[in-house]
Amino acid sequence: GSLRLSCEGTGVSFNFDTMAWYRQAPGKQRELV
Protein backbone atom coordinates (compact mmCIF):
# COMPACT_ATOMS: atom_id res chain seq x y z
CA GLY A 1 0.00 0.00 0.00
CA SER A 2 0.79 3.69 0.07
CA LEU A 3 0.91 6.54 2.53
CA ARG A 4 1.65 10.22 2.18
CA LEU A 5 3.35 11.96 5.05
CA SER A 6 3.12 15.70 5.53
CA CYS A 7 5.20 18.08 7.56
CA GLU A 8 4.35 21.71 8.16
CA GLY A 9 6.54 24.25 9.84
CA THR A 10 4.98 26.80 12.12
CA GLY A 11 6.48 29.99 13.41
CA VAL A 12 8.58 30.14 10.26
CA SER A 13 9.21 33.39 8.43
CA PHE A 14 11.91 32.01 6.15
CA ASN A 15 12.52 29.15 3.75
CA PHE A 16 14.36 26.17 5.16
CA ASP A 17 17.56 25.29 3.34
CA THR A 18 16.98 21.56 3.52
CA MET A 19 14.04 19.48 4.64
CA ALA A 20 14.20 15.77 5.20
CA TRP A 21 12.51 12.69 6.53
CA TYR A 22 14.21 10.34 8.95
CA ARG A 23 12.91 7.13 10.41
CA GLN A 24 13.69 4.99 13.40
CA ALA A 25 12.55 1.44 13.88
CA PRO A 26 12.58 -0.29 17.27
CA GLY A 27 16.09 -1.34 18.18
CA LYS A 28 17.64 0.56 15.29
CA GLN A 29 19.34 3.90 14.85
CA ARG A 30 17.60 6.80 13.22
CA GLU A 31 18.39 6.94 9.53
CA LEU A 32 17.94 9.48 6.78
CA VAL A 33 15.23 8.39 4.38
PDB file of all heavy atoms in Angstrom:
ATOM      1  N   GLY A   1       0.800  -1.206   0.000  1.00  0.00           N
ATOM      2  CA  GLY A   1       0.000   0.000   0.000  1.00  0.00           C
ATOM      3  C   GLY A   1       0.834   1.257   0.000  1.00  0.00           C
ATOM      4  O   GLY A   1       2.063   1.222  -0.110  1.00  0.00           O
ATOM      5  N   SER A   2       0.147   2.384   0.146  1.00  0.00           N
ATOM      6  CA  SER A   2       0.794   3.689   0.071  1.00  0.00           C
ATOM      7  C   SER A   2       0.350   4.588   1.207  1.00  0.00           C
ATOM      8  O   SER A   2      -0.763   4.453   1.733  1.00  0.00           O
ATOM      9  CB  SER A   2       0.473   4.380  -1.261  1.00  0.00           C
ATOM     10  OG  SER A   2       0.929   3.628  -2.362  1.00  0.00           O
ATOM     11  N   LEU A   3       1.214   5.495   1.570  1.00  0.00           N
ATOM     12  CA  LEU A   3       0.913   6.544   2.527  1.00  0.00           C
ATOM     13  C   LEU A   3       1.608   7.815   2.076  1.00  0.00           C
ATOM     14  O   LEU A   3       2.639   7.765   1.400  1.00  0.00           O
ATOM     15  CB  LEU A   3       1.387   6.186   3.937  1.00  0.00           C
ATOM     16  CG  LEU A   3       0.589   5.167   4.744  1.00  0.00           C
ATOM     17  CD1 LEU A   3       1.316   4.853   6.045  1.00  0.00           C
ATOM     18  CD2 LEU A   3      -0.815   5.675   5.028  1.00  0.00           C
ATOM     19  N   ARG A   4       1.052   8.935   2.472  1.00  0.00           N
ATOM     20  CA  ARG A   4       1.652  10.222   2.178  1.00  0.00           C
ATOM     21  C   ARG A   4       1.816  10.982   3.486  1.00  0.00           C
ATOM     22  O   ARG A   4       0.828  11.323   4.144  1.00  0.00           O
ATOM     23  CB  ARG A   4       0.789  11.027   1.203  1.00  0.00           C
ATOM     24  CG  ARG A   4       1.378  12.385   0.795  1.00  0.00           C
ATOM     25  CD  ARG A   4       0.545  13.003  -0.311  1.00  0.00           C
ATOM     26  NE  ARG A   4       1.057  14.272  -0.780  1.00  0.00           N
ATOM     27  CZ  ARG A   4       0.604  15.464  -0.391  1.00  0.00           C
ATOM     28  NH1 ARG A   4      -0.394  15.539   0.488  1.00  0.00           N
ATOM     29  NH2 ARG A   4       1.134  16.569  -0.880  1.00  0.00           N
ATOM     30  N   LEU A   5       3.050  11.225   3.843  1.00  0.00           N
ATOM     31  CA  LEU A   5       3.354  11.964   5.053  1.00  0.00           C
ATOM     32  C   LEU A   5       3.475  13.445   4.739  1.00  0.00           C
ATOM     33  O   LEU A   5       3.970  13.830   3.678  1.00  0.00           O
ATOM     34  CB  LEU A   5       4.659  11.473   5.677  1.00  0.00           C
ATOM     35  CG  LEU A   5       4.760   9.984   5.997  1.00  0.00           C
ATOM     36  CD1 LEU A   5       6.086   9.688   6.684  1.00  0.00           C
ATOM     37  CD2 LEU A   5       3.596   9.525   6.860  1.00  0.00           C
ATOM     38  N   SER A   6       3.033  14.257   5.673  1.00  0.00           N
ATOM     39  CA  SER A   6       3.118  15.697   5.525  1.00  0.00           C
ATOM     40  C   SER A   6       3.819  16.292   6.730  1.00  0.00           C
ATOM     41  O   SER A   6       3.703  15.794   7.844  1.00  0.00           O
ATOM     42  CB  SER A   6       1.723  16.316   5.397  1.00  0.00           C
ATOM     43  OG  SER A   6       1.041  15.821   4.263  1.00  0.00           O
ATOM     44  N   CYS A   7       4.531  17.360   6.496  1.00  0.00           N
ATOM     45  CA  CYS A   7       5.197  18.085   7.564  1.00  0.00           C
ATOM     46  C   CYS A   7       5.023  19.569   7.295  1.00  0.00           C
ATOM     47  O   CYS A   7       5.328  20.045   6.195  1.00  0.00           O
ATOM     48  CB  CYS A   7       6.680  17.724   7.628  1.00  0.00           C
ATOM     49  SG  CYS A   7       7.644  18.701   8.799  1.00  0.00           S
ATOM     50  N   GLU A   8       4.543  20.276   8.290  1.00  0.00           N
ATOM     51  CA  GLU A   8       4.346  21.713   8.163  1.00  0.00           C
ATOM     52  C   GLU A   8       5.092  22.440   9.263  1.00  0.00           C
ATOM     53  O   GLU A   8       4.968  22.089  10.438  1.00  0.00           O
ATOM     54  CB  GLU A   8       2.866  22.070   8.220  1.00  0.00           C
ATOM     55  CG  GLU A   8       2.600  23.561   8.079  1.00  0.00           C
ATOM     56  CD  GLU A   8       1.131  23.903   8.123  1.00  0.00           C
ATOM     57  OE1 GLU A   8       0.311  22.982   8.271  1.00  0.00           O
ATOM     58  OE2 GLU A   8       0.797  25.098   8.000  1.00  0.00           O
ATOM     59  N   GLY A   9       5.847  23.419   8.879  1.00  0.00           N
ATOM     60  CA  GLY A   9       6.537  24.247   9.838  1.00  0.00           C
ATOM     61  C   GLY A   9       5.664  25.396  10.287  1.00  0.00           C
ATOM     62  O   GLY A   9       4.962  26.016   9.488  1.00  0.00           O
ATOM     63  N   THR A  10       5.699  25.667  11.563  1.00  0.00           N
ATOM     64  CA  THR A  10       4.981  26.801  12.118  1.00  0.00           C
ATOM     65  C   THR A  10       5.967  27.745  12.776  1.00  0.00           C
ATOM     66  O   THR A  10       7.045  27.333  13.208  1.00  0.00           O
ATOM     67  CB  THR A  10       3.918  26.362  13.141  1.00  0.00           C
ATOM     68  OG1 THR A  10       4.561  25.681  14.231  1.00  0.00           O
ATOM     69  CG2 THR A  10       2.910  25.426  12.493  1.00  0.00           C
ATOM     70  N   GLY A  11       5.585  28.998  12.864  1.00  0.00           N
ATOM     71  CA  GLY A  11       6.481  29.990  13.405  1.00  0.00           C
ATOM     72  C   GLY A  11       7.678  30.246  12.516  1.00  0.00           C
ATOM     73  O   GLY A  11       8.738  30.643  13.005  1.00  0.00           O
ATOM     74  N   VAL A  12       7.489  30.028  11.220  1.00  0.00           N
ATOM     75  CA  VAL A  12       8.577  30.144  10.255  1.00  0.00           C
ATOM     76  C   VAL A  12       8.330  31.341   9.350  1.00  0.00           C
ATOM     77  O   VAL A  12       7.285  31.433   8.707  1.00  0.00           O
ATOM     78  CB  VAL A  12       8.710  28.880   9.400  1.00  0.00           C
ATOM     79  CG1 VAL A  12       9.853  29.029   8.402  1.00  0.00           C
ATOM     80  CG2 VAL A  12       8.936  27.663  10.286  1.00  0.00           C
ATOM     81  N   SER A  13       9.283  32.237   9.303  1.00  0.00           N
ATOM     82  CA  SER A  13       9.209  33.394   8.427  1.00  0.00           C
ATOM     83  C   SER A  13      10.307  33.362   7.373  1.00  0.00           C
ATOM     84  O   SER A  13      10.646  34.393   6.793  1.00  0.00           O
ATOM     85  CB  SER A  13       9.310  34.689   9.245  1.00  0.00           C
ATOM     86  OG  SER A  13      10.524  34.753   9.963  1.00  0.00           O
ATOM     87  N   PHE A  14      10.836  32.191   7.108  1.00  0.00           N
ATOM     88  CA  PHE A  14      11.908  32.007   6.149  1.00  0.00           C
ATOM     89  C   PHE A  14      11.740  30.663   5.468  1.00  0.00           C
ATOM     90  O   PHE A  14      10.913  29.850   5.879  1.00  0.00           O
ATOM     91  CB  PHE A  14      13.276  32.078   6.848  1.00  0.00           C
ATOM     92  CG  PHE A  14      13.381  31.182   8.053  1.00  0.00           C
ATOM     93  CD1 PHE A  14      13.680  29.842   7.910  1.00  0.00           C
ATOM     94  CD2 PHE A  14      13.173  31.687   9.323  1.00  0.00           C
ATOM     95  CE1 PHE A  14      13.766  29.014   9.014  1.00  0.00           C
ATOM     96  CE2 PHE A  14      13.256  30.868  10.436  1.00  0.00           C
ATOM     97  CZ  PHE A  14      13.549  29.535  10.276  1.00  0.00           C
ATOM     98  N   ASN A  15      12.516  30.438   4.433  1.00  0.00           N
ATOM     99  CA  ASN A  15      12.520  29.151   3.753  1.00  0.00           C
ATOM    100  C   ASN A  15      13.655  28.295   4.301  1.00  0.00           C
ATOM    101  O   ASN A  15      14.800  28.725   4.337  1.00  0.00           O
ATOM    102  CB  ASN A  15      12.692  29.332   2.250  1.00  0.00           C
ATOM    103  CG  ASN A  15      11.518  30.028   1.599  1.00  0.00           C
ATOM    104  OD1 ASN A  15      10.385  29.927   2.071  1.00  0.00           O
ATOM    105  ND2 ASN A  15      11.781  30.720   0.505  1.00  0.00           N
ATOM    106  N   PHE A  16      13.326  27.086   4.718  1.00  0.00           N
ATOM    107  CA  PHE A  16      14.364  26.169   5.159  1.00  0.00           C
ATOM    108  C   PHE A  16      15.313  25.852   4.012  1.00  0.00           C
ATOM    109  O   PHE A  16      14.910  25.770   2.853  1.00  0.00           O
ATOM    110  CB  PHE A  16      13.757  24.871   5.690  1.00  0.00           C
ATOM    111  CG  PHE A  16      12.983  25.028   6.961  1.00  0.00           C
ATOM    112  CD1 PHE A  16      11.614  24.845   6.982  1.00  0.00           C
ATOM    113  CD2 PHE A  16      13.632  25.349   8.144  1.00  0.00           C
ATOM    114  CE1 PHE A  16      10.899  24.974   8.155  1.00  0.00           C
ATOM    115  CE2 PHE A  16      12.925  25.484   9.322  1.00  0.00           C
ATOM    116  CZ  PHE A  16      11.555  25.297   9.330  1.00  0.00           C
ATOM    117  N   ASP A  17      16.579  25.664   4.350  1.00  0.00           N
ATOM    118  CA  ASP A  17      17.556  25.294   3.338  1.00  0.00           C
ATOM    119  C   ASP A  17      17.339  23.861   2.868  1.00  0.00           C
ATOM    120  O   ASP A  17      17.343  23.582   1.672  1.00  0.00           O
ATOM    121  CB  ASP A  17      18.972  25.450   3.888  1.00  0.00           C
ATOM    122  CG  ASP A  17      19.292  26.867   4.275  1.00  0.00           C
ATOM    123  OD1 ASP A  17      18.945  27.785   3.506  1.00  0.00           O
ATOM    124  OD2 ASP A  17      19.892  27.069   5.351  1.00  0.00           O
ATOM    125  N   THR A  18      17.181  22.965   3.804  1.00  0.00           N
ATOM    126  CA  THR A  18      16.977  21.557   3.517  1.00  0.00           C
ATOM    127  C   THR A  18      15.882  21.015   4.423  1.00  0.00           C
ATOM    128  O   THR A  18      15.845  21.329   5.606  1.00  0.00           O
ATOM    129  CB  THR A  18      18.268  20.746   3.729  1.00  0.00           C
ATOM    130  OG1 THR A  18      19.300  21.249   2.876  1.00  0.00           O
ATOM    131  CG2 THR A  18      18.045  19.269   3.417  1.00  0.00           C
ATOM    132  N   MET A  19      15.022  20.201   3.862  1.00  0.00           N
ATOM    133  CA  MET A  19      14.044  19.479   4.643  1.00  0.00           C
ATOM    134  C   MET A  19      14.204  17.996   4.343  1.00  0.00           C
ATOM    135  O   MET A  19      14.581  17.612   3.242  1.00  0.00           O
ATOM    136  CB  MET A  19      12.622  19.950   4.339  1.00  0.00           C
ATOM    137  CG  MET A  19      12.409  21.424   4.638  1.00  0.00           C
ATOM    138  SD  MET A  19      10.668  21.954   4.597  1.00  0.00           S
ATOM    139  CE  MET A  19      10.084  21.258   6.158  1.00  0.00           C
ATOM    140  N   ALA A  20      13.920  17.186   5.336  1.00  0.00           N
ATOM    141  CA  ALA A  20      14.203  15.767   5.204  1.00  0.00           C
ATOM    142  C   ALA A  20      13.257  14.942   6.052  1.00  0.00           C
ATOM    143  O   ALA A  20      12.590  15.449   6.962  1.00  0.00           O
ATOM    144  CB  ALA A  20      15.652  15.477   5.609  1.00  0.00           C
ATOM    145  N   TRP A  21      13.229  13.667   5.731  1.00  0.00           N
ATOM    146  CA  TRP A  21      12.513  12.686   6.530  1.00  0.00           C
ATOM    147  C   TRP A  21      13.499  11.645   7.035  1.00  0.00           C
ATOM    148  O   TRP A  21      14.296  11.104   6.263  1.00  0.00           O
ATOM    149  CB  TRP A  21      11.415  11.989   5.719  1.00  0.00           C
ATOM    150  CG  TRP A  21      10.241  12.863   5.426  1.00  0.00           C
ATOM    151  CD1 TRP A  21      10.018  13.599   4.311  1.00  0.00           C
ATOM    152  CD2 TRP A  21       9.122  13.090   6.282  1.00  0.00           C
ATOM    153  NE1 TRP A  21       8.830  14.279   4.408  1.00  0.00           N
ATOM    154  CE2 TRP A  21       8.252  13.981   5.609  1.00  0.00           C
ATOM    155  CE3 TRP A  21       8.752  12.625   7.545  1.00  0.00           C
ATOM    156  CZ2 TRP A  21       7.051  14.412   6.162  1.00  0.00           C
ATOM    157  CZ3 TRP A  21       7.559  13.062   8.093  1.00  0.00           C
ATOM    158  CH2 TRP A  21       6.727  13.943   7.402  1.00  0.00           C
ATOM    159  N   TYR A  22      13.452  11.398   8.314  1.00  0.00           N
ATOM    160  CA  TYR A  22      14.207  10.342   8.952  1.00  0.00           C
ATOM    161  C   TYR A  22      13.236   9.307   9.488  1.00  0.00           C
ATOM    162  O   TYR A  22      12.035   9.581   9.656  1.00  0.00           O
ATOM    163  CB  TYR A  22      15.051  10.881  10.106  1.00  0.00           C
ATOM    164  CG  TYR A  22      16.244  11.713   9.698  1.00  0.00           C
ATOM    165  CD1 TYR A  22      16.085  13.003   9.213  1.00  0.00           C
ATOM    166  CD2 TYR A  22      17.538  11.205   9.833  1.00  0.00           C
ATOM    167  CE1 TYR A  22      17.178  13.772   8.853  1.00  0.00           C
ATOM    168  CE2 TYR A  22      18.637  11.968   9.484  1.00  0.00           C
ATOM    169  CZ  TYR A  22      18.447  13.256   8.992  1.00  0.00           C
ATOM    170  OH  TYR A  22      19.543  14.008   8.650  1.00  0.00           O
ATOM    171  N   ARG A  23      13.740   8.131   9.776  1.00  0.00           N
ATOM    172  CA  ARG A  23      12.907   7.126  10.410  1.00  0.00           C
ATOM    173  C   ARG A  23      13.732   6.323  11.402  1.00  0.00           C
ATOM    174  O   ARG A  23      14.941   6.191  11.272  1.00  0.00           O
ATOM    175  CB  ARG A  23      12.268   6.191   9.380  1.00  0.00           C
ATOM    176  CG  ARG A  23      13.240   5.292   8.633  1.00  0.00           C
ATOM    177  CD  ARG A  23      12.507   4.503   7.557  1.00  0.00           C
ATOM    178  NE  ARG A  23      13.397   3.641   6.804  1.00  0.00           N
ATOM    179  CZ  ARG A  23      13.039   2.969   5.724  1.00  0.00           C
ATOM    180  NH1 ARG A  23      11.788   3.056   5.271  1.00  0.00           N
ATOM    181  NH2 ARG A  23      13.914   2.198   5.094  1.00  0.00           N
ATOM    182  N   GLN A  24      13.043   5.802  12.386  1.00  0.00           N
ATOM    183  CA  GLN A  24      13.690   4.994  13.403  1.00  0.00           C
ATOM    184  C   GLN A  24      12.775   3.834  13.770  1.00  0.00           C
ATOM    185  O   GLN A  24      11.661   4.039  14.240  1.00  0.00           O
ATOM    186  CB  GLN A  24      14.014   5.822  14.641  1.00  0.00           C
ATOM    187  CG  GLN A  24      14.825   5.075  15.679  1.00  0.00           C
ATOM    188  CD  GLN A  24      15.381   5.993  16.745  1.00  0.00           C
ATOM    189  OE1 GLN A  24      14.861   7.087  16.969  1.00  0.00           O
ATOM    190  NE2 GLN A  24      16.442   5.569  17.395  1.00  0.00           N
ATOM    191  N   ALA A  25      13.266   2.641  13.526  1.00  0.00           N
ATOM    192  CA  ALA A  25      12.547   1.436  13.884  1.00  0.00           C
ATOM    193  C   ALA A  25      13.011   0.969  15.257  1.00  0.00           C
ATOM    194  O   ALA A  25      14.126   1.294  15.689  1.00  0.00           O
ATOM    195  CB  ALA A  25      12.782   0.348  12.839  1.00  0.00           C
ATOM    196  N   PRO A  26      12.186   0.206  15.952  1.00  0.00           N
ATOM    197  CA  PRO A  26      12.581  -0.287  17.269  1.00  0.00           C
ATOM    198  C   PRO A  26      13.905  -1.037  17.219  1.00  0.00           C
ATOM    199  O   PRO A  26      14.105  -1.902  16.374  1.00  0.00           O
ATOM    200  CB  PRO A  26      11.432  -1.220  17.656  1.00  0.00           C
ATOM    201  CG  PRO A  26      10.253  -0.681  16.910  1.00  0.00           C
ATOM    202  CD  PRO A  26      10.816  -0.203  15.599  1.00  0.00           C
ATOM    203  N   GLY A  27      14.815  -0.678  18.116  1.00  0.00           N
ATOM    204  CA  GLY A  27      16.094  -1.339  18.180  1.00  0.00           C
ATOM    205  C   GLY A  27      17.101  -0.893  17.141  1.00  0.00           C
ATOM    206  O   GLY A  27      18.203  -1.448  17.092  1.00  0.00           O
ATOM    207  N   LYS A  28      16.744   0.086  16.325  1.00  0.00           N
ATOM    208  CA  LYS A  28      17.641   0.564  15.289  1.00  0.00           C
ATOM    209  C   LYS A  28      17.915   2.049  15.453  1.00  0.00           C
ATOM    210  O   LYS A  28      17.165   2.768  16.109  1.00  0.00           O
ATOM    211  CB  LYS A  28      17.054   0.292  13.898  1.00  0.00           C
ATOM    212  CG  LYS A  28      16.926  -1.176  13.540  1.00  0.00           C
ATOM    213  CD  LYS A  28      16.490  -1.345  12.107  1.00  0.00           C
ATOM    214  CE  LYS A  28      16.430  -2.803  11.708  1.00  0.00           C
ATOM    215  NZ  LYS A  28      16.022  -2.962  10.287  1.00  0.00           N
ATOM    216  N   GLN A  29      19.001   2.488  14.837  1.00  0.00           N
ATOM    217  CA  GLN A  29      19.340   3.900  14.854  1.00  0.00           C
ATOM    218  C   GLN A  29      18.483   4.671  13.861  1.00  0.00           C
ATOM    219  O   GLN A  29      17.986   4.113  12.879  1.00  0.00           O
ATOM    220  CB  GLN A  29      20.819   4.098  14.519  1.00  0.00           C
ATOM    221  CG  GLN A  29      21.783   3.551  15.556  1.00  0.00           C
ATOM    222  CD  GLN A  29      23.225   3.841  15.207  1.00  0.00           C
ATOM    223  OE1 GLN A  29      23.595   3.874  14.036  1.00  0.00           O
ATOM    224  NE2 GLN A  29      24.046   4.055  16.218  1.00  0.00           N
ATOM    225  N   ARG A  30      18.322   5.943  14.140  1.00  0.00           N
ATOM    226  CA  ARG A  30      17.596   6.798  13.218  1.00  0.00           C
ATOM    227  C   ARG A  30      18.396   6.959  11.933  1.00  0.00           C
ATOM    228  O   ARG A  30      19.602   7.186  11.960  1.00  0.00           O
ATOM    229  CB  ARG A  30      17.330   8.157  13.866  1.00  0.00           C
ATOM    230  CG  ARG A  30      16.418   9.063  13.070  1.00  0.00           C
ATOM    231  CD  ARG A  30      16.027  10.308  13.864  1.00  0.00           C
ATOM    232  NE  ARG A  30      15.320   9.966  15.084  1.00  0.00           N
ATOM    233  CZ  ARG A  30      14.790  10.858  15.910  1.00  0.00           C
ATOM    234  NH1 ARG A  30      14.879  12.153  15.641  1.00  0.00           N
ATOM    235  NH2 ARG A  30      14.174  10.463  17.009  1.00  0.00           N
ATOM    236  N   GLU A  31      17.722   6.832  10.802  1.00  0.00           N
ATOM    237  CA  GLU A  31      18.386   6.936   9.525  1.00  0.00           C
ATOM    238  C   GLU A  31      17.696   7.957   8.631  1.00  0.00           C
ATOM    239  O   GLU A  31      16.483   8.170   8.729  1.00  0.00           O
ATOM    240  CB  GLU A  31      18.418   5.573   8.809  1.00  0.00           C
ATOM    241  CG  GLU A  31      17.059   5.074   8.344  1.00  0.00           C
ATOM    242  CD  GLU A  31      17.134   3.849   7.439  1.00  0.00           C
ATOM    243  OE1 GLU A  31      18.241   3.495   6.997  1.00  0.00           O
ATOM    244  OE2 GLU A  31      16.074   3.245   7.177  1.00  0.00           O
ATOM    245  N   LEU A  32      18.483   8.556   7.775  1.00  0.00           N
ATOM    246  CA  LEU A  32      17.943   9.480   6.784  1.00  0.00           C
ATOM    247  C   LEU A  32      17.238   8.685   5.701  1.00  0.00           C
ATOM    248  O   LEU A  32      17.825   7.785   5.103  1.00  0.00           O
ATOM    249  CB  LEU A  32      19.058  10.322   6.176  1.00  0.00           C
ATOM    250  CG  LEU A  32      18.656  11.237   5.020  1.00  0.00           C
ATOM    251  CD1 LEU A  32      17.721  12.337   5.504  1.00  0.00           C
ATOM    252  CD2 LEU A  32      19.891  11.838   4.356  1.00  0.00           C
ATOM    253  N   VAL A  33      15.996   9.033   5.432  1.00  0.00           N
ATOM    254  CA  VAL A  33      15.226   8.385   4.381  1.00  0.00           C
ATOM    255  C   VAL A  33      15.332   9.171   3.087  1.00  0.00           C
ATOM    256  O   VAL A  33      15.622   8.614   2.025  1.00  0.00           O
ATOM    257  CB  VAL A  33      13.749   8.234   4.781  1.00  0.00           C
ATOM    258  CG1 VAL A  33      12.947   7.589   3.658  1.00  0.00           C
ATOM    259  CG2 VAL A  33      13.632   7.415   6.064  1.00  0.00           C
TER     260      VAL A  33
END
